Amino acid sequence: MDTRSRPQISPGTEGLEARIEVRPRPSFGLGSLRNRKWLLGLGTIACLLVAALYVSLRPATYTASSQLLIYIRQVLTGPDQAILPGRADLPMVQNQIELLRSGNVLAAVVETLRLAEDPEFNDSHAASPGQAKAPQGQASPEAAANGSAYRAALSALARKLSVRQVGTSHIVAVSLKASDPAKAARIVNAIVRTYLQERARASDAATSRAPTLREIYQSLGPSGQVLSEAEPPVGTDGPSAILILAIAALLGLGASATIAILLDMFDDRIRSRRQMEHVLGLECLGVIPRFADIGTWPEDAAARRLLASQHEVLRRAAAVMDDVSPGGFHAIGVTSVLPGEGATSLAIALAKTAAAAGKRVLLIDAVPDDPSLSRWVANLAQDPPPPGEHPPTRALEGLATLQPGLDVLPLAERLGAGDRPMPRGLLDDVLRAAEGSHELVILDMPSLVAGPQVRAAAPALDGVLLVVKWGETTSELARQAFQSAGQAQGKFVGSVLNMADEQVMQRYGYELPAHLKATTTA
């Protein structure tokens, strides 16, 4: 496609495919937490609100408990007969636990304390279908007459009561949960008393057929001794409100931190020079900051700010452009992955830098869909070029002199809209015409995803610079767009990470150079 006689520089692509397939490790850790403080605060506040709502709505309950010592009395045989406590019988302890839970004991407590008339025990939930059946016990005629309330109270009492063996000992703990501390203690003590009465009644029934032996053996067999009576509890059940709020705050903070780290783990957007080099296999010439308050400025606003900062990208890009074609005329294209990533601003800044260095520069606008460079030049007051300054050739028709040493050619007007490639031979004609009057040609090109324009124009160029927007373009998209260039990948000589947020970079641990910090602050 290139018919010019000057030598072409085609960097080799050996090893390039292997490099661009390397996926960089995502940047996460403390930087993720620093960058998402709002997420940490929102998660913590949300958990605190839920915990506060739970604390305000949860019913206050009190648990009273009593302890019984269960043992077996045995007869000591010999000249002096005596009755002594025997060893612990664990199966017997389990039998006594079942006796404490039995329907006879609970029914007696319900009738004695009139729990059928207590709203806490006489509720529809306790007697609803699907709930555990109330223990069967002998009810009085009065309780039988009010069977629904009685069954509800009996079921609620069985549900609230807890009888358990303490470890492997023969100590049994009896506890009950109620809405009033005095009520809880009263019910537990009533259950223990009723159990002792039931045990004594069972012992009497067993010896009723032998009255002569009752006096001797009335204290034999299982016995229970109250170690501690139930007292009204001082505090409510469960953790305190302060502890609940503290745990909720920690859970919210931990969950938010986990989400923040996961978001960055799965975030594929390019944020660092090293990540750019891993993704594209191209040397990253530098990171350009995002300049504030230039939204309504002319198209060269960012370029002027970049020139004022004397950024290292301009020096490194100038050196790269000189290296691709040393000692003569050369043409460099500037493109991006997506539209609006700052390729035009970088092209203007490079052209002005080269012109200030004493070179004769031609800046070409070859973006048909958004010819911002052409609009910018059209709005500038320009003096017509002196006669004979430029060769009277049709290829350079419409050439405008922007400043001494810098000319602009609005080539986009000849390309037309759409994603059609540049007409065959057009760029060759322009470069051939400019070779006699200019030392450097910088071509502002469409983005890689816009179509095949870059791939079609690359053979006529000495090199191509790629611009990627910081924190917006994903690694996968950049890699696919770069691979879409096909054989033109060998013409890419470097990349630039543009519009970086300095504060976010510091939070992620990507420090900017000191001179750049001073420029962005100013």
Protein backbone atom coordinates (compact mmCIF):
# COMPACT_ATOMS: atom_id res chain seq x y z
CA MET A 1 0.00 0.00 0.00
CA ASP A 2 2.90 2.31 0.75
CA THR A 3 4.60 3.35 -2.49
CA ARG A 4 7.09 5.80 -0.97
CA SER A 5 10.75 5.11 -1.45
CA ARG A 6 11.78 5.70 2.17
CA PRO A 7 12.53 2.60 4.26
CA GLN A 8 9.79 1.18 6.47
CA ILE A 9 10.34 0.16 10.08
CA SER A 10 8.29 -2.89 11.09
CA PRO A 11 8.97 -3.94 14.66
CA GLY A 12 8.93 -7.68 15.12
CA THR A 13 6.00 -9.38 16.80
CA GLU A 14 7.89 -12.43 18.06
CA GLY A 15 6.70 -13.28 21.55
CA LEU A 16 3.95 -10.65 21.46
CA GLU A 17 1.06 -13.11 21.43
CA ALA A 18 2.43 -14.89 24.49
CA ARG A 19 2.72 -11.63 26.41
CA ILE A 20 -0.72 -10.30 25.70
CA GLU A 21 -2.30 -13.53 26.90
CA VAL A 22 -0.89 -12.97 30.40
CA ARG A 23 -3.63 -11.81 32.72
CA PRO A 24 -2.34 -9.45 35.43
CA ARG A 25 -3.29 -10.07 39.01
CA PRO A 26 -6.09 -7.69 40.01
CA SER A 27 -5.19 -4.93 42.42
CA PHE A 28 -7.02 -5.46 45.68
CA GLY A 29 -6.37 -5.27 49.41
CA LEU A 30 -6.07 -2.16 51.52
CA GLY A 31 -6.42 -0.05 48.40
CA SER A 32 -9.87 -1.55 47.84
CA LEU A 33 -10.91 -0.60 51.37
CA ARG A 34 -9.53 2.92 51.07
CA ASN A 35 -11.21 3.45 47.71
CA ARG A 36 -14.60 2.18 48.88
CA LYS A 37 -15.00 3.89 52.22
CA TRP A 38 -18.59 4.68 51.28
CA LEU A 39 -19.32 0.94 50.94
CA LEU A 40 -17.78 0.21 54.34
CA GLY A 41 -19.80 2.98 55.95
CA LEU A 42 -23.03 1.98 54.19
CA GLY A 43 -22.68 -1.68 55.17
CA THR A 44 -21.88 -0.84 58.78
CA ILE A 45 -24.78 1.60 59.10
CA ALA A 46 -27.20 -0.86 57.48
CA CYS A 47 -26.25 -3.64 59.92
CA LEU A 48 -26.50 -1.22 62.85
CA LEU A 49 -29.99 -0.19 61.78
CA VAL A 50 -31.10 -3.81 61.50
CA ALA A 51 -29.61 -4.58 64.91
CA ALA A 52 -31.25 -1.53 66.47
CA LEU A 53 -34.61 -2.56 65.02
CA TYR A 54 -34.15 -6.07 66.42
CA VAL A 55 -33.19 -4.75 69.86
CA SER A 56 -36.21 -2.45 69.95
CA LEU A 57 -38.68 -5.14 68.83
CA ARG A 58 -37.38 -8.27 70.57
CA PRO A 59 -39.46 -9.30 73.62
CA ALA A 60 -37.71 -9.20 76.99
CA THR A 61 -37.53 -12.67 78.53
CA TYR A 62 -36.10 -13.92 81.83
CA THR A 63 -34.85 -17.43 82.61
CA ALA A 64 -35.04 -18.77 86.16
CA SER A 65 -33.38 -22.06 87.10
CA SER A 66 -33.12 -24.51 89.96
CA GLN A 67 -30.83 -27.50 90.56
CA LEU A 68 -31.70 -30.94 91.97
CA LEU A 69 -29.38 -33.64 93.23
CA ILE A 70 -30.68 -37.06 92.20
CA TYR A 71 -29.32 -40.10 94.07
CA ILE A 72 -30.30 -43.60 95.25
CA ARG A 73 -30.70 -44.48 98.94
CA GLN A 74 -29.49 -47.98 99.85
CA VAL A 75 -29.70 -50.23 102.94
CA LEU A 76 -26.44 -50.83 104.75
CA THR A 77 -26.60 -54.44 105.95
CA GLY A 78 -24.92 -55.64 109.12
CA PRO A 79 -25.43 -55.56 112.87
CA ASP A 80 -26.30 -51.88 112.71
CA GLN A 81 -28.71 -51.45 109.83
CA ALA A 82 -28.69 -47.99 108.21
CA ILE A 83 -29.85 -46.20 105.07
CA LEU A 84 -27.11 -44.30 103.19
CA PRO A 85 -26.92 -42.46 99.87
CA GLY A 86 -25.64 -44.77 97.16
CA ARG A 87 -23.79 -44.30 93.91
CA ALA A 88 -25.09 -42.24 91.02
CA ASP A 89 -27.18 -44.20 88.55
CA LEU A 90 -27.21 -42.27 85.26
CA PRO A 91 -30.14 -44.18 83.71
CA MET A 92 -32.06 -43.41 86.88
CA VAL A 93 -31.20 -39.71 86.45
CA GLN A 94 -32.72 -39.83 82.97
CA ASN A 95 -35.86 -41.42 84.42
CA GLN A 96 -36.19 -38.57 86.88
CA ILE A 97 -35.74 -36.03 84.10
CA GLU A 98 -38.65 -37.63 82.26
CA LEU A 99 -40.68 -37.51 85.44
CA LEU A 100 -40.00 -33.79 85.72
CA ARG A 101 -41.30 -33.37 82.16
CA SER A 102 -44.27 -35.65 82.64
CA GLY A 103 -47.81 -34.58 82.08
CA ASN A 104 -48.84 -35.18 85.67
CA VAL A 105 -46.26 -32.70 86.96
CA LEU A 106 -47.00 -30.05 84.33
CA ALA A 107 -50.77 -30.45 84.63
CA ALA A 108 -50.57 -29.96 88.36
CA VAL A 109 -48.50 -26.80 87.91
CA VAL A 110 -50.92 -25.41 85.32
CA GLU A 111 -53.84 -25.91 87.68
CA THR A 112 -52.02 -24.72 90.79
CA LEU A 113 -50.73 -21.49 89.25
CA ARG A 114 -53.83 -21.03 86.99
CA LEU A 115 -51.62 -20.69 83.92
CA ALA A 116 -54.63 -21.28 81.66
CA GLU A 117 -55.70 -17.72 82.54
CA ASP A 118 -52.24 -16.24 81.84
CA PRO A 119 -52.12 -14.62 78.35
CA GLU A 120 -48.46 -15.62 78.01
CA PHE A 121 -49.38 -19.32 78.26
CA ASN A 122 -52.90 -19.25 76.85
CA ASP A 123 -52.19 -18.32 73.23
CA SER A 124 -53.39 -19.76 69.95
CA HIS A 125 -49.82 -20.46 68.79
CA ALA A 126 -49.25 -23.03 71.49
CA ALA A 127 -52.31 -25.06 70.47
CA SER A 128 -52.10 -24.53 66.73
CA PRO A 129 -51.87 -27.55 64.39
CA GLY A 130 -48.37 -28.77 63.72
CA GLN A 131 -47.11 -27.94 67.20
CA ALA A 132 -45.98 -30.58 69.68
CA LYS A 133 -48.85 -32.17 71.56
CA ALA A 134 -49.24 -31.23 75.18
CA PRO A 135 -48.12 -33.91 77.66
CA GLN A 136 -51.02 -36.01 78.83
CA GLY A 137 -51.90 -35.50 82.45
CA GLN A 138 -54.81 -35.85 84.80
CA ALA A 139 -56.82 -32.65 84.64
CA SER A 140 -59.37 -31.49 87.15
CA PRO A 141 -63.03 -31.11 86.13
CA GLU A 142 -62.55 -27.33 85.98
CA ALA A 143 -59.60 -27.72 83.61
CA ALA A 144 -61.51 -30.24 81.51
CA ALA A 145 -64.38 -27.75 81.15
CA ASN A 146 -61.98 -25.20 79.72
CA GLY A 147 -60.08 -27.72 77.61
CA SER A 148 -58.74 -25.38 74.90
CA ALA A 149 -57.10 -22.95 77.33
CA TYR A 150 -55.82 -25.82 79.44
CA ARG A 151 -54.20 -27.57 76.47
CA ALA A 152 -52.69 -24.31 75.27
CA ALA A 153 -51.18 -23.58 78.69
CA LEU A 154 -49.90 -27.13 79.04
CA SER A 155 -48.26 -27.01 75.60
CA ALA A 156 -46.71 -23.58 76.26
CA LEU A 157 -45.33 -24.74 79.60
CA ALA A 158 -43.77 -27.83 78.01
CA ARG A 159 -42.24 -25.68 75.29
CA LYS A 160 -40.75 -23.12 77.68
CA LEU A 161 -39.46 -25.68 80.19
CA SER A 162 -35.91 -27.05 79.98
CA VAL A 163 -34.76 -30.03 82.07
CA ARG A 164 -31.23 -31.28 81.46
CA GLN A 165 -28.51 -33.24 83.14
CA VAL A 166 -25.43 -31.22 84.11
CA GLY A 167 -22.59 -32.96 82.32
CA THR A 168 -22.31 -36.60 83.40
CA SER A 169 -23.20 -35.87 87.02
CA HIS A 170 -26.46 -36.69 88.78
CA ILE A 171 -27.36 -33.02 89.06
CA VAL A 172 -30.41 -31.90 87.09
CA ALA A 173 -31.00 -28.28 86.09
CA VAL A 174 -34.62 -27.12 85.70
CA SER A 175 -35.09 -23.79 83.92
CA LEU A 176 -37.97 -21.89 82.39
CA LYS A 177 -38.23 -18.75 80.28
CA ALA A 178 -40.98 -16.18 80.93
CA SER A 179 -41.68 -12.52 80.36
CA ASP A 180 -41.56 -11.72 84.09
CA PRO A 181 -38.63 -12.72 86.33
CA ALA A 182 -40.79 -13.40 89.40
CA LYS A 183 -43.18 -15.52 87.34
CA ALA A 184 -40.31 -17.59 85.91
CA ALA A 185 -38.92 -18.32 89.41
CA ARG A 186 -42.38 -19.14 90.77
CA ILE A 187 -43.13 -21.64 88.01
CA VAL A 188 -39.74 -23.40 88.32
CA ASN A 189 -40.14 -23.80 92.09
CA ALA A 190 -43.67 -25.11 91.58
CA ILE A 191 -42.41 -27.71 89.09
CA VAL A 192 -39.72 -28.89 91.51
CA ARG A 193 -42.17 -29.15 94.41
CA THR A 194 -44.69 -31.01 92.29
CA TYR A 195 -41.99 -33.42 91.12
CA LEU A 196 -40.96 -34.19 94.69
CA GLN A 197 -44.59 -34.78 95.59
CA GLU A 198 -45.08 -37.09 92.61
CA ARG A 199 -41.93 -39.04 93.48
CA ALA A 200 -43.14 -39.46 97.11
CA ARG A 201 -46.58 -40.55 95.89
CA ALA A 202 -45.00 -43.16 93.60
CA SER A 203 -42.90 -44.49 96.49
CA ASP A 204 -45.98 -44.75 98.73
CA ALA A 205 -47.88 -46.62 96.03
CA ALA A 206 -45.05 -49.11 95.65
CA THR A 207 -45.09 -50.01 99.38
CA SER A 208 -48.84 -49.83 99.94
CA ARG A 209 -49.23 -53.63 99.74
CA ALA A 210 -46.74 -54.17 102.57
CA PRO A 211 -47.54 -51.67 105.30
CA THR A 212 -45.16 -53.35 107.73
CA LEU A 213 -42.20 -52.59 105.46
CA ARG A 214 -43.22 -48.99 104.71
CA GLU A 215 -41.60 -47.59 107.82
CA ILE A 216 -38.27 -49.29 107.06
CA TYR A 217 -38.08 -48.77 103.30
CA GLN A 218 -39.98 -45.53 102.79
CA SER A 219 -36.72 -43.64 102.13
CA LEU A 220 -35.16 -46.19 99.79
CA GLY A 221 -34.92 -45.81 96.00
CA PRO A 222 -34.52 -42.61 93.96
CA SER A 223 -34.40 -39.41 95.97
CA GLY A 224 -34.07 -35.79 95.03
CA GLN A 225 -32.62 -32.91 96.97
CA VAL A 226 -32.99 -29.26 96.04
CA LEU A 227 -29.52 -27.77 95.79
CA SER A 228 -30.70 -24.27 94.86
CA GLU A 229 -34.15 -22.81 94.53
CA ALA A 230 -35.02 -20.59 91.63
CA GLU A 231 -34.57 -16.87 92.21
CA PRO A 232 -35.98 -14.08 90.01
CA PRO A 233 -33.25 -13.33 87.42
CA VAL A 234 -31.77 -9.87 87.39
CA GLY A 235 -30.96 -9.49 83.69
CA THR A 236 -32.84 -10.37 80.54
CA ASP A 237 -31.96 -13.34 78.35
CA GLY A 238 -29.54 -13.03 75.49
CA PRO A 239 -26.73 -10.55 74.87
CA SER A 240 -27.06 -6.92 75.86
CA ALA A 241 -28.11 -4.27 73.38
CA ILE A 242 -24.60 -2.78 73.32
CA LEU A 243 -23.08 -6.17 72.52
CA ILE A 244 -25.62 -6.79 69.75
CA LEU A 245 -24.89 -3.40 68.19
CA ALA A 246 -21.13 -3.97 68.44
CA ILE A 247 -21.39 -7.40 66.79
CA ALA A 248 -23.65 -5.97 64.06
CA ALA A 249 -21.14 -3.18 63.38
CA LEU A 250 -18.30 -5.69 63.08
CA LEU A 251 -20.34 -7.98 60.83
CA GLY A 252 -21.35 -5.06 58.61
CA LEU A 253 -17.77 -3.84 58.39
CA GLY A 254 -16.47 -7.33 57.63
CA ALA A 255 -19.11 -8.04 55.01
CA SER A 256 -18.54 -4.66 53.35
CA ALA A 257 -14.78 -5.17 53.32
CA THR A 258 -15.23 -8.59 51.74
CA ILE A 259 -17.52 -7.16 49.07
CA ALA A 260 -15.07 -4.31 48.38
CA ILE A 261 -12.19 -6.74 47.89
CA LEU A 262 -14.30 -9.05 45.71
CA LEU A 263 -15.37 -6.12 43.54
CA ASP A 264 -11.75 -5.29 42.83
CA MET A 265 -10.84 -8.94 42.36
CA PHE A 266 -13.39 -9.19 39.56
CA ASP A 267 -12.80 -5.64 38.29
CA ASP A 268 -10.87 -5.92 35.02
CA ARG A 269 -10.41 -2.20 34.37
CA ILE A 270 -6.87 -0.98 33.70
CA ARG A 271 -5.47 1.18 36.49
CA SER A 272 -1.70 0.88 36.40
CA ARG A 273 1.22 1.04 33.99
CA ARG A 274 2.25 -2.51 34.81
CA GLN A 275 -1.24 -3.83 34.17
CA MET A 276 -1.28 -2.08 30.79
CA GLU A 277 2.02 -3.67 29.80
CA HIS A 278 0.82 -7.11 30.85
CA VAL A 279 -2.42 -6.82 28.91
CA LEU A 280 -1.09 -5.36 25.66
CA GLY A 281 2.54 -6.41 25.63
CA LEU A 282 3.44 -2.79 24.83
CA GLU A 283 5.65 -0.46 26.77
CA CYS A 284 3.56 2.07 28.69
CA LEU A 285 5.14 5.47 28.17
CA GLY A 286 3.42 6.99 31.17
CA VAL A 287 0.23 7.87 33.03
CA ILE A 288 -1.43 11.19 32.27
CA PRO A 289 -3.66 12.70 34.99
CA ARG A 290 -7.23 13.79 34.57
CA PHE A 291 -7.31 17.57 34.24
CA ALA A 292 -10.27 19.18 35.97
CA ASP A 293 -12.52 21.97 34.68
CA ILE A 294 -11.88 21.46 30.97
CA GLY A 295 -15.29 20.09 29.99
CA THR A 296 -16.38 23.28 28.20
CA TRP A 297 -12.92 24.30 26.96
CA PRO A 298 -11.76 24.02 23.34
CA GLU A 299 -10.47 20.72 22.03
CA ASP A 300 -6.87 21.60 22.87
CA ALA A 301 -7.56 22.34 26.56
CA ALA A 302 -6.20 19.03 27.80
CA ALA A 303 -3.26 19.32 25.38
CA ARG A 304 -2.32 22.75 26.74
CA ARG A 305 -2.52 21.49 30.31
CA LEU A 306 -0.37 18.52 29.35
CA LEU A 307 2.19 20.81 27.71
CA ALA A 308 2.27 23.04 30.77
CA SER A 309 2.99 20.04 33.00
CA GLN A 310 6.00 19.05 30.86
CA HIS A 311 4.95 15.47 31.39
CA GLU A 312 7.38 12.63 30.85
CA VAL A 313 4.95 11.07 28.33
CA LEU A 314 5.75 13.86 25.85
CA ARG A 315 9.50 13.34 26.18
CA ARG A 316 9.29 9.57 25.97
CA ALA A 317 6.85 9.69 23.02
CA ALA A 318 9.14 12.14 21.17
CA ALA A 319 12.05 9.78 21.72
CA VAL A 320 10.01 6.81 20.49
CA MET A 321 8.93 8.72 17.37
CA ASP A 322 12.52 9.58 16.57
CA ASP A 323 13.61 5.98 17.08
CA VAL A 324 11.12 4.45 14.65
CA SER A 325 12.61 6.38 11.73
CA PRO A 326 15.90 8.02 12.70
CA GLY A 327 17.36 10.72 10.53
CA GLY A 328 14.44 11.51 8.27
CA PHE A 329 10.77 12.00 7.59
CA HIS A 330 8.42 9.81 9.63
CA ALA A 331 4.68 9.42 10.24
CA ILE A 332 3.10 8.41 13.54
CA GLY A 333 -0.54 7.51 14.19
CA VAL A 334 -2.35 8.09 17.49
CA THR A 335 -5.38 5.93 18.25
CA SER A 336 -7.35 4.63 21.26
CA VAL A 337 -9.32 1.58 22.26
CA LEU A 338 -12.63 3.45 22.55
CA PRO A 339 -13.75 6.89 21.37
CA GLY A 340 -13.27 9.71 23.85
CA GLU A 341 -10.15 8.37 25.53
CA GLY A 342 -7.99 11.40 24.68
CA ALA A 343 -6.16 10.40 21.51
CA THR A 344 -6.82 13.81 19.90
CA SER A 345 -5.47 15.71 22.91
CA LEU A 346 -2.29 13.63 22.92
CA ALA A 347 -1.86 14.12 19.16
CA ILE A 348 -2.14 17.92 19.56
CA ALA A 349 0.30 17.93 22.48
CA LEU A 350 2.84 15.82 20.57
CA ALA A 351 2.53 18.02 17.50
CA LYS A 352 3.05 21.23 19.51
CA THR A 353 5.98 19.68 21.35
CA ALA A 354 7.70 18.70 18.10
CA ALA A 355 6.99 22.14 16.58
CA ALA A 356 8.47 23.86 19.62
CA ALA A 357 11.59 21.73 19.14
CA GLY A 358 12.06 23.26 15.66
CA LYS A 359 10.49 20.56 13.51
CA ARG A 360 8.08 21.15 10.69
CA VAL A 361 5.00 19.13 11.77
CA LEU A 362 1.83 18.16 9.91
CA LEU A 363 -1.13 17.19 12.11
CA ILE A 364 -3.82 15.25 10.20
CA ASP A 365 -7.42 14.79 11.35
CA ALA A 366 -8.48 11.33 10.11
CA VAL A 367 -11.48 10.73 12.43
CA PRO A 368 -14.57 10.93 10.17
CA ASP A 369 -17.20 10.28 12.84
CA ASP A 370 -16.00 12.95 15.30
CA PRO A 371 -13.60 15.41 13.61
CA SER A 372 -12.96 17.41 16.79
CA LEU A 373 -9.53 18.43 15.55
CA SER A 374 -11.05 19.96 12.42
CA ARG A 375 -13.67 21.83 14.46
CA TRP A 376 -11.02 23.19 16.76
CA VAL A 377 -8.89 24.47 13.86
CA ALA A 378 -11.95 25.98 12.16
CA ASN A 379 -12.71 28.06 15.25
CA LEU A 380 -9.18 29.53 15.40
CA ALA A 381 -8.29 32.80 13.69
CA GLN A 382 -5.66 31.83 11.12
CA ASP A 383 -3.51 33.69 8.68
CA PRO A 384 -3.34 32.23 5.19
CA PRO A 385 -0.02 30.58 4.47
CA PRO A 386 2.47 32.69 2.51
CA PRO A 387 2.61 32.04 -1.25
CA GLY A 388 4.86 29.16 -2.08
CA GLU A 389 5.03 28.00 1.49
CA HIS A 390 3.35 24.71 0.62
CA PRO A 391 3.48 22.77 -2.62
CA PRO A 392 0.37 23.33 -4.71
CA THR A 393 -0.83 19.76 -4.52
CA ARG A 394 -4.35 18.46 -4.25
CA ALA A 395 -3.35 15.97 -1.57
CA LEU A 396 -2.74 18.83 0.88
CA GLU A 397 -5.82 20.78 -0.08
CA GLY A 398 -7.34 22.60 2.91
CA LEU A 399 -4.06 22.79 4.80
CA ALA A 400 -4.18 25.33 7.66
CA THR A 401 -1.24 26.84 9.49
CA LEU A 402 -1.87 26.75 13.21
CA GLN A 403 1.42 28.25 14.38
CA PRO A 404 4.91 28.50 13.00
CA GLY A 405 6.08 24.99 12.27
CA LEU A 406 2.67 23.36 12.77
CA ASP A 407 0.13 22.76 10.01
CA VAL A 408 -3.20 20.97 10.29
CA LEU A 409 -4.89 19.01 7.52
CA PRO A 410 -8.63 18.22 8.02
CA LEU A 411 -8.51 14.94 6.12
CA ALA A 412 -11.69 13.69 7.81
CA GLU A 413 -13.81 15.73 5.38
CA ARG A 414 -12.64 13.55 2.49
CA LEU A 415 -13.23 10.26 4.29
CA GLY A 416 -16.96 10.61 4.86
CA ALA A 417 -18.92 9.23 7.80
CA GLY A 418 -19.13 5.60 8.78
CA ASP A 419 -16.72 2.81 9.49
CA ARG A 420 -15.41 2.48 5.95
CA PRO A 421 -11.64 2.16 5.63
CA MET A 422 -9.59 5.00 4.26
CA PRO A 423 -9.65 5.08 0.43
CA ARG A 424 -6.73 3.17 -0.98
CA GLY A 425 -3.80 5.41 -1.77
CA LEU A 426 -5.20 8.56 -0.09
CA LEU A 427 -2.87 8.44 2.91
CA ASP A 428 0.08 7.52 0.66
CA ASP A 429 -0.60 10.58 -1.51
CA VAL A 430 -0.80 12.86 1.52
CA LEU A 431 2.40 11.50 3.05
CA ARG A 432 4.24 11.70 -0.27
CA ALA A 433 3.14 15.33 -0.68
CA ALA A 434 4.13 16.22 2.88
CA GLU A 435 7.52 14.55 2.73
CA GLY A 436 9.10 17.48 0.95
CA SER A 437 7.80 20.18 3.31
CA HIS A 438 7.49 18.48 6.73
CA GLU A 439 9.68 16.38 8.96
CA LEU A 440 6.97 14.75 11.07
CA VAL A 441 3.38 13.75 10.36
CA ILE A 442 1.05 12.93 13.28
CA LEU A 443 -2.20 11.24 12.32
CA ASP A 444 -5.20 11.51 14.68
CA MET A 445 -6.96 8.19 13.99
CA PRO A 446 -10.31 6.59 14.90
CA SER A 447 -10.48 4.16 17.80
CA LEU A 448 -9.70 0.48 17.33
CA VAL A 449 -13.29 -0.56 17.97
CA ALA A 450 -14.64 1.92 15.40
CA GLY A 451 -13.65 -0.22 12.46
CA PRO A 452 -10.73 -1.32 10.26
CA GLN A 453 -9.34 2.19 9.68
CA VAL A 454 -6.28 1.70 11.89
CA ARG A 455 -5.51 -1.71 10.40
CA ALA A 456 -5.80 -0.31 6.87
CA ALA A 457 -3.65 2.76 7.53
CA ALA A 458 -0.94 1.09 9.63
CA PRO A 459 1.23 -0.13 6.70
CA ALA A 460 1.75 3.47 5.58
CA LEU A 461 2.86 4.60 9.04
CA ASP A 462 6.15 4.23 10.86
CA GLY A 463 4.49 3.63 14.21
CA VAL A 464 1.25 3.87 16.18
CA LEU A 465 0.67 5.08 19.73
CA LEU A 466 -2.26 3.64 21.67
CA VAL A 467 -4.20 5.68 24.26
CA VAL A 468 -6.24 3.89 26.97
CA LYS A 469 -8.49 5.64 29.47
CA TRP A 470 -7.57 4.92 33.09
CA GLY A 471 -10.16 3.12 35.21
CA GLU A 472 -12.69 2.84 32.36
CA THR A 473 -11.35 0.44 29.76
CA THR A 474 -11.32 -3.23 30.77
CA SER A 475 -8.34 -5.47 30.14
CA GLU A 476 -10.43 -7.86 28.06
CA LEU A 477 -11.75 -5.11 25.79
CA ALA A 478 -8.29 -3.58 25.34
CA ARG A 479 -6.80 -6.97 24.49
CA GLN A 480 -9.54 -7.82 21.98
CA ALA A 481 -9.31 -4.40 20.34
CA PHE A 482 -5.54 -4.68 20.09
CA GLN A 483 -5.75 -8.17 18.59
CA SER A 484 -8.29 -6.90 16.04
CA ALA A 485 -5.47 -4.88 14.47
CA GLY A 486 -4.12 -8.13 13.05
CA GLN A 487 -0.75 -7.77 11.32
CA ALA A 488 -0.72 -4.07 12.19
CA GLN A 489 0.09 -4.97 15.81
CA GLY A 490 3.77 -4.79 14.90
CA LYS A 491 3.42 -1.06 14.17
CA PHE A 492 2.38 -0.21 17.74
CA VAL A 493 5.39 1.35 19.46
CA GLY A 494 3.91 2.21 22.86
CA SER A 495 0.84 2.99 24.92
CA VAL A 496 -0.33 5.79 27.21
CA LEU A 497 -2.69 5.53 30.18
CA ASN A 498 -4.80 8.68 30.11
CA MET A 499 -7.16 10.58 32.45
CA ALA A 500 -5.96 8.99 35.69
CA ASP A 501 -7.54 10.01 38.98
CA GLU A 502 -4.64 10.93 41.25
CA GLN A 503 -6.53 10.53 44.52
CA VAL A 504 -7.81 7.07 43.61
CA MET A 505 -4.33 6.04 42.46
CA GLN A 506 -2.91 7.06 45.83
CA ARG A 507 -5.60 5.06 47.63
CA TYR A 508 -4.73 2.03 45.53
CA GLY A 509 -1.03 2.58 46.15
CA TYR A 510 -0.17 3.77 42.61
CA GLU A 511 1.89 6.86 43.38
CA LEU A 512 2.28 9.59 40.79
CA PRO A 513 5.60 11.36 40.25
CA ALA A 514 6.25 14.38 42.44
CA HIS A 515 6.31 16.84 39.54
CA LEU A 516 2.95 15.51 38.33
CA LYS A 517 1.41 15.96 41.79
CA ALA A 518 2.56 19.57 41.81
CA THR A 519 1.11 20.17 38.34
CA THR A 520 -2.29 18.66 39.07
CA THR A 521 -2.49 20.55 42.37
CA ALA A 522 -1.76 23.82 40.62
